[in-house]
Every structure is written in structure tokens, then in C-alpha cells.
Amino acid sequence: MRITALDVATCAGGTLVGEDAVAHGISFDTRTLEPGQAFVAVVGDRDGNDYLSAAQDGGAAFAVVSRGRSIKGLPCVEVDDTSAAMTAIGRWSRSRLDTNAAGRVIGVTGSAGKTSTKDFILAVLRSSFRHAHGAFKSFNNDMGVPVTMANAPDECDAIVLEMGMRGLGE
């Protein structure tokens, strides 16, 4: 999905540092980052902000970073919380999908069999919808679901989301 740094700054309450840039999808892992994607520097066991140079070298269009962590030569959106920004990007992406009017958004959850079920549903949808999209592997957590939505093609006409849960009420 086409997304600009300014779109991210707006939806995530961030500040654009540098020129606006256009990305086609997002990634939170520099090892799988495709040229032209935006890199989201998620802070967890590792600090994604430490990998900004690798993201720049890998062809990131721009990066979403913690406040004060921008680097020279790479447009950045500085936010208070990169994980919350990831959720905001997912929500924004969902609002942009053409599937809204037709209701072709399918969520799969459960304790076992989610990935296989998602793959079967996606295979059936692709027989009728040219631009059906689904989660890569088992991207079924709070990082994977927004990535799945943001990486949908602009022409997406059906999407299957795989959703895991870690606790009661999630």
C-alpha cells in the first residue's frame, strides 16, 4: 500500500523530520526490508532505532523512530512510541482498503490451525478476487496484523487477517 511519511506523522501523532517520502508497505525487520518500504523501529527486546543505518542501506523510503533518534539522510517520523505508531499505521491502512464497502475483510483466530485456515481461505478468495491479500507466514500479533494491512496492494479487493491472542480479552 502506498503510504507517505506525512500520512504516518498524521495518523501516529508524530513529527516529520526531513522531506516527505513515499513508501510501498512497511517492515520492522531490516533483514526482510524491501527497497521502498518504510522501516518502523520497534523497541522491544532489541531497539529498532539501532538499525536505522541498516534500514537506510537497505533502501528504506523513510523510517518511524523514537523521538530524537532520526539520522541524517533518511526521512524520519519521530513518535513517542513506535509500537503504538505501528498500530496507528495498521488502523490507517485498514481505513484505506477498498474492501470496506464490500466487507471482504476476514479475520481468523483460535488456538490452533490459524495459519492453515488463513491460507485455505486466501486460496479460495484468489479464485474470484485478483488482488486478494493475506498475512505473510503467521504474522498474527500486534506487529504482524498492521504489517499485513499496510503491505496490501493498493488494489486490494479482499484481505485475510490472522489474529493470535496472548491473553483474555485481547
N, C-alpha and C. Protein backbone atom coordinates (compact mmCIF):
# COMPACT_ATOMS: atom_id res chain seq x y z
N MET A 1 0.84 -1.17 0.00
CA MET A 1 0.00 0.00 0.00
C MET A 1 0.89 1.24 0.00
N ARG A 2 0.52 2.20 -0.76
CA ARG A 2 1.25 3.46 -0.82
C ARG A 2 0.97 4.24 0.46
N ILE A 3 2.05 4.65 1.13
CA ILE A 3 1.92 5.41 2.37
C ILE A 3 3.05 6.43 2.41
N THR A 4 2.73 7.64 2.81
CA THR A 4 3.75 8.68 2.89
C THR A 4 4.18 8.91 4.33
N ALA A 5 5.34 9.50 4.48
CA ALA A 5 5.82 9.85 5.82
C ALA A 5 4.85 10.82 6.49
N LEU A 6 4.30 11.74 5.71
CA LEU A 6 3.34 12.69 6.27
C LEU A 6 2.06 11.98 6.72
N ASP A 7 1.61 10.95 5.97
CA ASP A 7 0.47 10.14 6.40
C ASP A 7 0.75 9.54 7.77
N VAL A 8 1.94 8.98 7.94
CA VAL A 8 2.30 8.35 9.20
C VAL A 8 2.38 9.38 10.32
N ALA A 9 3.00 10.52 10.04
CA ALA A 9 3.09 11.57 11.07
C ALA A 9 1.70 11.99 11.53
N THR A 10 0.78 12.08 10.59
CA THR A 10 -0.58 12.50 10.92
C THR A 10 -1.31 11.42 11.73
N CYS A 11 -1.28 10.18 11.26
CA CYS A 11 -2.07 9.12 11.93
C CYS A 11 -1.44 8.69 13.25
N ALA A 12 -0.13 8.85 13.40
CA ALA A 12 0.55 8.38 14.61
C ALA A 12 0.92 9.50 15.58
N GLY A 13 0.53 10.73 15.26
CA GLY A 13 0.85 11.84 16.14
C GLY A 13 2.35 12.12 16.20
N GLY A 14 3.02 11.95 15.07
CA GLY A 14 4.46 12.13 15.04
C GLY A 14 4.87 13.43 14.37
N THR A 15 6.18 13.61 14.27
CA THR A 15 6.77 14.79 13.66
C THR A 15 7.66 14.34 12.52
N LEU A 16 7.42 14.88 11.34
CA LEU A 16 8.25 14.55 10.18
C LEU A 16 9.55 15.33 10.25
N VAL A 17 10.66 14.62 10.18
CA VAL A 17 11.98 15.24 10.15
C VAL A 17 12.57 14.94 8.77
N GLY A 18 12.74 15.98 7.97
CA GLY A 18 13.21 15.81 6.60
C GLY A 18 12.06 15.95 5.62
N GLU A 19 12.35 15.58 4.39
CA GLU A 19 11.36 15.68 3.31
C GLU A 19 10.33 14.56 3.41
N ASP A 20 9.13 14.83 2.90
CA ASP A 20 8.13 13.78 2.81
C ASP A 20 8.64 12.73 1.81
N ALA A 21 8.27 11.49 2.04
CA ALA A 21 8.70 10.39 1.17
C ALA A 21 7.55 9.41 1.03
N VAL A 22 7.55 8.67 -0.06
CA VAL A 22 6.52 7.68 -0.33
C VAL A 22 7.10 6.28 -0.17
N ALA A 23 6.39 5.43 0.57
CA ALA A 23 6.78 4.03 0.74
C ALA A 23 5.67 3.15 0.19
N HIS A 24 6.03 1.94 -0.12
CA HIS A 24 5.06 0.93 -0.53
C HIS A 24 5.17 -0.21 0.47
N GLY A 25 4.41 -0.08 1.55
CA GLY A 25 4.41 -1.06 2.61
C GLY A 25 5.40 -0.71 3.72
N ILE A 26 5.40 -1.56 4.76
CA ILE A 26 6.26 -1.32 5.92
C ILE A 26 6.94 -2.62 6.35
N SER A 27 8.01 -2.46 7.12
CA SER A 27 8.71 -3.59 7.71
C SER A 27 9.28 -3.14 9.05
N PHE A 28 9.38 -4.08 9.98
CA PHE A 28 10.03 -3.76 11.26
C PHE A 28 11.30 -4.58 11.43
N ASP A 29 11.77 -5.20 10.35
CA ASP A 29 12.96 -6.03 10.39
C ASP A 29 13.83 -5.70 9.19
N THR A 30 15.03 -5.18 9.42
CA THR A 30 15.90 -4.79 8.31
C THR A 30 16.34 -5.98 7.47
N ARG A 31 16.26 -7.19 8.02
CA ARG A 31 16.66 -8.38 7.25
C ARG A 31 15.64 -8.73 6.17
N THR A 32 14.39 -8.30 6.34
CA THR A 32 13.36 -8.59 5.35
C THR A 32 12.83 -7.33 4.67
N LEU A 33 13.40 -6.19 5.03
CA LEU A 33 13.01 -4.91 4.43
C LEU A 33 13.24 -4.94 2.93
N GLU A 34 12.22 -4.56 2.18
CA GLU A 34 12.35 -4.46 0.73
C GLU A 34 12.59 -3.00 0.37
N PRO A 35 13.44 -2.74 -0.63
CA PRO A 35 13.66 -1.34 -1.04
C PRO A 35 12.33 -0.66 -1.32
N GLY A 36 12.18 0.55 -0.78
CA GLY A 36 10.96 1.32 -0.98
C GLY A 36 9.94 1.18 0.13
N GLN A 37 10.16 0.25 1.06
CA GLN A 37 9.27 0.14 2.21
C GLN A 37 9.70 1.14 3.29
N ALA A 38 8.79 1.43 4.19
CA ALA A 38 9.12 2.23 5.38
C ALA A 38 9.59 1.27 6.47
N PHE A 39 10.55 1.69 7.24
CA PHE A 39 11.05 0.89 8.36
C PHE A 39 10.49 1.45 9.66
N VAL A 40 9.87 0.60 10.46
CA VAL A 40 9.35 1.00 11.77
C VAL A 40 10.31 0.44 12.81
N ALA A 41 10.95 1.33 13.54
CA ALA A 41 11.98 0.95 14.52
C ALA A 41 11.32 0.57 15.84
N VAL A 42 10.79 -0.64 15.88
CA VAL A 42 10.08 -1.12 17.06
C VAL A 42 11.08 -1.33 18.20
N VAL A 43 10.69 -0.90 19.38
CA VAL A 43 11.53 -1.07 20.57
C VAL A 43 10.95 -2.21 21.38
N GLY A 44 11.74 -3.27 21.51
CA GLY A 44 11.33 -4.45 22.27
C GLY A 44 12.57 -5.03 22.93
N ASP A 45 12.77 -6.34 22.75
CA ASP A 45 13.99 -6.96 23.25
C ASP A 45 15.21 -6.29 22.65
N ARG A 46 15.08 -5.88 21.40
CA ARG A 46 16.11 -5.09 20.72
C ARG A 46 15.49 -3.74 20.39
N ASP A 47 16.35 -2.74 20.26
CA ASP A 47 15.90 -1.40 19.92
C ASP A 47 16.05 -1.19 18.43
N GLY A 48 14.92 -1.16 17.72
CA GLY A 48 14.93 -0.97 16.28
C GLY A 48 15.62 0.31 15.84
N ASN A 49 15.69 1.29 16.73
CA ASN A 49 16.39 2.54 16.40
C ASN A 49 17.88 2.30 16.15
N ASP A 50 18.43 1.23 16.69
CA ASP A 50 19.84 0.90 16.49
C ASP A 50 20.11 0.39 15.08
N TYR A 51 19.06 0.14 14.30
CA TYR A 51 19.21 -0.45 12.96
C TYR A 51 18.85 0.54 11.85
N LEU A 52 18.82 1.82 12.16
CA LEU A 52 18.42 2.81 11.16
C LEU A 52 19.40 2.88 9.99
N SER A 53 20.69 2.77 10.26
CA SER A 53 21.67 2.79 9.17
C SER A 53 21.47 1.59 8.25
N ALA A 54 21.18 0.43 8.82
CA ALA A 54 20.91 -0.77 8.01
C ALA A 54 19.64 -0.57 7.18
N ALA A 55 18.63 0.07 7.76
CA ALA A 55 17.40 0.35 7.02
C ALA A 55 17.68 1.31 5.86
N GLN A 56 18.48 2.32 6.13
CA GLN A 56 18.84 3.27 5.08
C GLN A 56 19.61 2.57 3.97
N ASP A 57 20.58 1.75 4.34
CA ASP A 57 21.37 1.00 3.36
C ASP A 57 20.50 0.01 2.59
N GLY A 58 19.44 -0.50 3.22
CA GLY A 58 18.54 -1.45 2.58
C GLY A 58 17.50 -0.81 1.69
N GLY A 59 17.51 0.52 1.58
CA GLY A 59 16.60 1.21 0.67
C GLY A 59 15.29 1.66 1.28
N ALA A 60 15.24 1.79 2.61
CA ALA A 60 14.00 2.28 3.23
C ALA A 60 13.64 3.66 2.68
N ALA A 61 12.36 3.84 2.38
CA ALA A 61 11.89 5.14 1.89
C ALA A 61 11.92 6.17 3.00
N PHE A 62 11.56 5.74 4.20
CA PHE A 62 11.62 6.57 5.40
C PHE A 62 11.55 5.65 6.60
N ALA A 63 11.72 6.20 7.78
CA ALA A 63 11.66 5.39 9.00
C ALA A 63 10.76 6.04 10.03
N VAL A 64 10.17 5.21 10.86
CA VAL A 64 9.39 5.66 12.01
C VAL A 64 10.26 5.35 13.22
N VAL A 65 10.63 6.39 13.96
CA VAL A 65 11.64 6.26 15.01
C VAL A 65 11.17 6.87 16.31
N SER A 66 11.86 6.53 17.38
CA SER A 66 11.60 7.17 18.68
C SER A 66 12.07 8.62 18.59
N ARG A 67 11.42 9.49 19.35
CA ARG A 67 11.78 10.91 19.34
C ARG A 67 13.26 11.10 19.63
N GLY A 68 13.88 11.96 18.81
CA GLY A 68 15.29 12.27 18.97
C GLY A 68 16.25 11.28 18.34
N ARG A 69 15.74 10.27 17.63
CA ARG A 69 16.60 9.22 17.07
C ARG A 69 16.75 9.29 15.54
N SER A 70 16.27 10.35 14.91
CA SER A 70 16.41 10.49 13.45
C SER A 70 17.88 10.48 13.06
N ILE A 71 18.13 10.02 11.83
CA ILE A 71 19.51 10.05 11.32
C ILE A 71 19.54 10.88 10.04
N LYS A 72 20.70 11.41 9.75
CA LYS A 72 20.90 12.25 8.57
C LYS A 72 20.73 11.43 7.30
N GLY A 73 20.03 12.01 6.33
CA GLY A 73 19.90 11.38 5.02
C GLY A 73 18.72 10.44 4.87
N LEU A 74 17.98 10.21 5.94
CA LEU A 74 16.81 9.33 5.87
C LEU A 74 15.61 10.09 6.46
N PRO A 75 14.58 10.35 5.65
CA PRO A 75 13.40 10.99 6.23
C PRO A 75 12.87 10.14 7.37
N CYS A 76 12.52 10.78 8.47
CA CYS A 76 12.05 10.05 9.65
C CYS A 76 10.80 10.69 10.22
N VAL A 77 9.96 9.86 10.78
CA VAL A 77 8.81 10.32 11.55
C VAL A 77 9.12 9.97 13.00
N GLU A 78 9.28 10.99 13.83
CA GLU A 78 9.58 10.77 15.23
C GLU A 78 8.27 10.66 16.01
N VAL A 79 8.16 9.60 16.82
CA VAL A 79 6.95 9.35 17.62
C VAL A 79 7.34 9.03 19.05
N ASP A 80 6.37 9.11 19.95
CA ASP A 80 6.61 8.77 21.35
C ASP A 80 6.79 7.28 21.55
N ASP A 81 6.04 6.47 20.79
CA ASP A 81 6.03 5.02 20.97
C ASP A 81 5.90 4.37 19.60
N THR A 82 6.96 3.69 19.16
CA THR A 82 6.93 3.11 17.82
C THR A 82 5.94 1.95 17.70
N SER A 83 5.70 1.22 18.78
CA SER A 83 4.70 0.14 18.74
C SER A 83 3.30 0.72 18.57
N ALA A 84 3.00 1.81 19.28
CA ALA A 84 1.71 2.48 19.12
C ALA A 84 1.59 3.05 17.72
N ALA A 85 2.70 3.53 17.15
CA ALA A 85 2.68 4.04 15.78
C ALA A 85 2.35 2.91 14.80
N MET A 86 2.89 1.73 15.06
CA MET A 86 2.60 0.57 14.21
C MET A 86 1.10 0.28 14.21
N THR A 87 0.49 0.32 15.39
CA THR A 87 -0.96 0.11 15.48
C THR A 87 -1.71 1.19 14.71
N ALA A 88 -1.28 2.44 14.84
CA ALA A 88 -1.92 3.55 14.13
C ALA A 88 -1.79 3.38 12.62
N ILE A 89 -0.64 2.92 12.16
CA ILE A 89 -0.44 2.67 10.72
C ILE A 89 -1.38 1.57 10.25
N GLY A 90 -1.55 0.52 11.05
CA GLY A 90 -2.48 -0.54 10.71
C GLY A 90 -3.91 -0.04 10.61
N ARG A 91 -4.31 0.77 11.57
CA ARG A 91 -5.67 1.34 11.57
C ARG A 91 -5.87 2.23 10.34
N TRP A 92 -4.88 3.06 10.03
CA TRP A 92 -4.94 3.94 8.87
C TRP A 92 -5.03 3.11 7.60
N SER A 93 -4.21 2.06 7.51
CA SER A 93 -4.21 1.20 6.32
C SER A 93 -5.56 0.53 6.14
N ARG A 94 -6.14 0.06 7.23
CA ARG A 94 -7.46 -0.58 7.16
C ARG A 94 -8.51 0.38 6.61
N SER A 95 -8.41 1.65 7.01
CA SER A 95 -9.39 2.63 6.53
C SER A 95 -9.22 2.92 5.04
N ARG A 96 -8.06 2.64 4.48
CA ARG A 96 -7.77 2.91 3.08
C ARG A 96 -8.12 1.75 2.16
N LEU A 97 -8.28 0.57 2.71
CA LEU A 97 -8.55 -0.60 1.86
C LEU A 97 -9.89 -0.47 1.17
N ASP A 98 -9.93 -0.82 -0.11
CA ASP A 98 -11.15 -0.80 -0.90
C ASP A 98 -12.17 -1.83 -0.44
N THR A 99 -11.75 -2.70 0.46
CA THR A 99 -12.63 -3.78 0.89
C THR A 99 -13.72 -3.30 1.83
N ASN A 100 -13.65 -2.08 2.32
CA ASN A 100 -14.62 -1.59 3.31
C ASN A 100 -16.06 -1.75 2.84
N ALA A 101 -16.35 -1.26 1.63
CA ALA A 101 -17.74 -1.27 1.16
C ALA A 101 -18.24 -2.69 0.93
N ALA A 102 -17.38 -3.57 0.45
CA ALA A 102 -17.81 -4.92 0.13
C ALA A 102 -17.75 -5.85 1.34
N GLY A 103 -17.06 -5.44 2.39
CA GLY A 103 -16.99 -6.28 3.58
C GLY A 103 -16.09 -7.49 3.44
N ARG A 104 -15.14 -7.45 2.52
CA ARG A 104 -14.27 -8.60 2.29
C ARG A 104 -13.01 -8.52 3.14
N VAL A 105 -13.21 -8.40 4.43
CA VAL A 105 -12.12 -8.49 5.39
C VAL A 105 -12.46 -9.66 6.29
N ILE A 106 -11.59 -10.66 6.30
CA ILE A 106 -11.85 -11.87 7.06
C ILE A 106 -10.77 -12.01 8.11
N GLY A 107 -11.18 -12.21 9.35
CA GLY A 107 -10.25 -12.42 10.44
C GLY A 107 -10.34 -13.86 10.92
N VAL A 108 -9.17 -14.48 11.11
CA VAL A 108 -9.10 -15.85 11.58
C VAL A 108 -8.37 -15.85 12.91
N THR A 109 -8.99 -16.42 13.93
CA THR A 109 -8.33 -16.54 15.24
C THR A 109 -8.68 -17.89 15.83
N GLY A 110 -8.03 -18.23 16.90
CA GLY A 110 -8.27 -19.51 17.55
C GLY A 110 -6.99 -20.01 18.18
N SER A 111 -7.08 -21.17 18.78
CA SER A 111 -5.92 -21.71 19.50
C SER A 111 -5.03 -22.58 18.62
N ALA A 112 -5.54 -23.07 17.50
CA ALA A 112 -4.73 -23.92 16.61
C ALA A 112 -5.31 -23.85 15.20
N GLY A 113 -4.45 -23.98 14.20
CA GLY A 113 -4.91 -24.05 12.82
C GLY A 113 -5.13 -22.73 12.13
N LYS A 114 -4.73 -21.62 12.74
CA LYS A 114 -4.99 -20.31 12.14
C LYS A 114 -4.29 -20.12 10.80
N THR A 115 -3.02 -20.47 10.74
CA THR A 115 -2.25 -20.22 9.51
C THR A 115 -2.78 -21.07 8.36
N SER A 116 -3.04 -22.34 8.59
CA SER A 116 -3.58 -23.20 7.53
C SER A 116 -4.94 -22.70 7.08
N THR A 117 -5.80 -22.34 8.03
CA THR A 117 -7.13 -21.85 7.69
C THR A 117 -7.03 -20.56 6.88
N LYS A 118 -6.15 -19.64 7.30
CA LYS A 118 -5.93 -18.40 6.56
C LYS A 118 -5.48 -18.69 5.14
N ASP A 119 -4.56 -19.63 4.98
CA ASP A 119 -4.05 -19.98 3.66
C ASP A 119 -5.13 -20.58 2.77
N PHE A 120 -5.99 -21.44 3.33
CA PHE A 120 -7.09 -22.03 2.57
C PHE A 120 -8.08 -20.95 2.13
N ILE A 121 -8.46 -20.08 3.04
CA ILE A 121 -9.41 -19.01 2.71
C ILE A 121 -8.83 -18.11 1.62
N LEU A 122 -7.56 -17.76 1.76
CA LEU A 122 -6.91 -16.90 0.77
C LEU A 122 -6.88 -17.57 -0.61
N ALA A 123 -6.61 -18.85 -0.64
CA ALA A 123 -6.59 -19.58 -1.92
C ALA A 123 -7.96 -19.53 -2.59
N VAL A 124 -9.02 -19.71 -1.82
CA VAL A 124 -10.37 -19.64 -2.38
C VAL A 124 -10.69 -18.23 -2.86
N LEU A 125 -10.34 -17.23 -2.06
CA LEU A 125 -10.62 -15.84 -2.45
C LEU A 125 -9.89 -15.47 -3.75
N ARG A 126 -8.67 -15.95 -3.89
CA ARG A 126 -7.88 -15.60 -5.08
C ARG A 126 -8.48 -16.15 -6.37
N SER A 127 -9.40 -17.11 -6.26
CA SER A 127 -10.06 -17.62 -7.47
C SER A 127 -11.08 -16.61 -7.99
N SER A 128 -11.53 -15.67 -7.15
CA SER A 128 -12.52 -14.68 -7.56
C SER A 128 -12.03 -13.24 -7.46
N PHE A 129 -11.02 -13.00 -6.65
CA PHE A 129 -10.54 -11.64 -6.42
C PHE A 129 -9.05 -11.57 -6.78
N ARG A 130 -8.75 -10.80 -7.82
CA ARG A 130 -7.37 -10.74 -8.35
C ARG A 130 -6.36 -10.20 -7.35
N HIS A 131 -6.79 -9.31 -6.46
CA HIS A 131 -5.85 -8.64 -5.57
C HIS A 131 -6.08 -9.02 -4.11
N ALA A 132 -6.53 -10.26 -3.89
CA ALA A 132 -6.71 -10.73 -2.50
C ALA A 132 -5.34 -10.79 -1.84
N HIS A 133 -5.32 -10.48 -0.55
CA HIS A 133 -4.07 -10.38 0.19
C HIS A 133 -4.24 -11.06 1.54
N GLY A 134 -3.17 -11.62 2.04
CA GLY A 134 -3.22 -12.25 3.35
C GLY A 134 -1.89 -12.13 4.07
N ALA A 135 -1.91 -12.50 5.31
CA ALA A 135 -0.74 -12.42 6.16
C ALA A 135 0.41 -13.24 5.59
N PHE A 136 1.61 -12.70 5.72
CA PHE A 136 2.82 -13.41 5.35
C PHE A 136 3.13 -14.37 6.49
N LYS A 137 3.29 -15.64 6.17
CA LYS A 137 3.53 -16.67 7.18
C LYS A 137 2.44 -16.61 8.23
N SER A 138 2.84 -16.52 9.50
CA SER A 138 1.84 -16.43 10.57
C SER A 138 2.00 -15.10 11.31
N PHE A 139 1.96 -14.01 10.55
CA PHE A 139 2.04 -12.67 11.13
C PHE A 139 0.71 -12.38 11.83
N ASN A 140 0.57 -12.86 13.06
CA ASN A 140 -0.73 -12.80 13.71
C ASN A 140 -0.73 -12.06 15.04
N ASN A 141 0.30 -11.22 15.27
CA ASN A 141 0.34 -10.50 16.54
C ASN A 141 0.16 -9.00 16.33
N ASP A 142 0.40 -8.23 17.38
CA ASP A 142 0.17 -6.78 17.32
C ASP A 142 1.11 -6.07 16.36
N MET A 143 2.17 -6.72 15.92
CA MET A 143 3.05 -6.15 14.89
C MET A 143 2.68 -6.70 13.52
N GLY A 144 2.36 -7.97 13.44
CA GLY A 144 2.10 -8.62 12.17
C GLY A 144 0.81 -8.19 11.49
N VAL A 145 -0.24 -7.96 12.26
CA VAL A 145 -1.52 -7.56 11.66
C VAL A 145 -1.41 -6.20 10.98
N PRO A 146 -0.82 -5.17 11.64
CA PRO A 146 -0.64 -3.89 10.92
C PRO A 146 0.25 -4.02 9.68
N VAL A 147 1.29 -4.85 9.76
CA VAL A 147 2.16 -5.06 8.60
C VAL A 147 1.36 -5.68 7.45
N THR A 148 0.53 -6.66 7.76
CA THR A 148 -0.29 -7.30 6.73
C THR A 148 -1.18 -6.27 6.04
N MET A 149 -1.81 -5.41 6.82
CA MET A 149 -2.69 -4.41 6.21
C MET A 149 -1.92 -3.37 5.41
N ALA A 150 -0.81 -2.88 5.96
CA ALA A 150 -0.04 -1.86 5.27
C ALA A 150 0.64 -2.40 4.01
N ASN A 151 0.89 -3.71 3.96
CA ASN A 151 1.55 -4.30 2.80
C ASN A 151 0.57 -4.82 1.75
N ALA A 152 -0.72 -4.61 1.98
CA ALA A 152 -1.72 -4.98 0.97
C ALA A 152 -1.53 -4.11 -0.26
N PRO A 153 -1.80 -4.66 -1.44
CA PRO A 153 -1.69 -3.83 -2.64
C PRO A 153 -2.75 -2.73 -2.63
N ASP A 154 -2.46 -1.62 -3.29
CA ASP A 154 -3.43 -0.53 -3.36
C ASP A 154 -4.77 -1.00 -3.92
N GLU A 155 -4.73 -2.00 -4.81
CA GLU A 155 -5.94 -2.50 -5.46
C GLU A 155 -6.60 -3.62 -4.66
N CYS A 156 -6.19 -3.84 -3.43
CA CYS A 156 -6.69 -4.96 -2.63
C CYS A 156 -8.21 -5.03 -2.66
N ASP A 157 -8.74 -6.20 -3.02
CA ASP A 157 -10.19 -6.36 -3.07
C ASP A 157 -10.70 -7.39 -2.08
N ALA A 158 -9.80 -8.00 -1.32
CA ALA A 158 -10.17 -8.91 -0.23
C ALA A 158 -8.91 -9.14 0.60
N ILE A 159 -9.08 -9.25 1.91
CA ILE A 159 -7.93 -9.45 2.78
C ILE A 159 -8.28 -10.44 3.89
N VAL A 160 -7.33 -11.30 4.21
CA VAL A 160 -7.50 -12.27 5.28
C VAL A 160 -6.44 -11.97 6.34
N LEU A 161 -6.90 -11.72 7.55
CA LEU A 161 -6.01 -11.42 8.66
C LEU A 161 -5.99 -12.58 9.63
N GLU A 162 -4.81 -12.95 10.04
CA GLU A 162 -4.64 -13.98 11.05
C GLU A 162 -4.35 -13.29 12.37
N MET A 163 -5.14 -13.63 13.40
CA MET A 163 -5.02 -12.91 14.67
C MET A 163 -4.85 -13.87 15.84
N GLY A 164 -3.67 -13.83 16.41
CA GLY A 164 -3.42 -14.61 17.61
C GLY A 164 -3.83 -13.80 18.83
N MET A 165 -3.79 -14.42 19.98
CA MET A 165 -4.05 -13.68 21.22
C MET A 165 -3.19 -14.25 22.33
N ARG A 166 -2.78 -13.36 23.22
CA ARG A 166 -1.90 -13.76 24.29
C ARG A 166 -2.60 -13.81 25.63
N GLY A 167 -3.78 -13.27 25.70
CA GLY A 167 -4.45 -13.26 26.99
C GLY A 167 -5.93 -12.98 26.86
N LEU A 168 -6.63 -13.20 27.94
CA LEU A 168 -8.08 -12.99 28.00
C LEU A 168 -8.43 -11.55 27.63
N GLY A 169 -9.37 -11.39 26.75
CA GLY A 169 -9.85 -10.08 26.38
C GLY A 169 -9.10 -9.41 25.24
N GLU A 170 -8.03 -10.04 24.75
CA GLU A 170 -7.26 -9.40 23.67
C GLU A 170 -8.02 -9.54 22.36
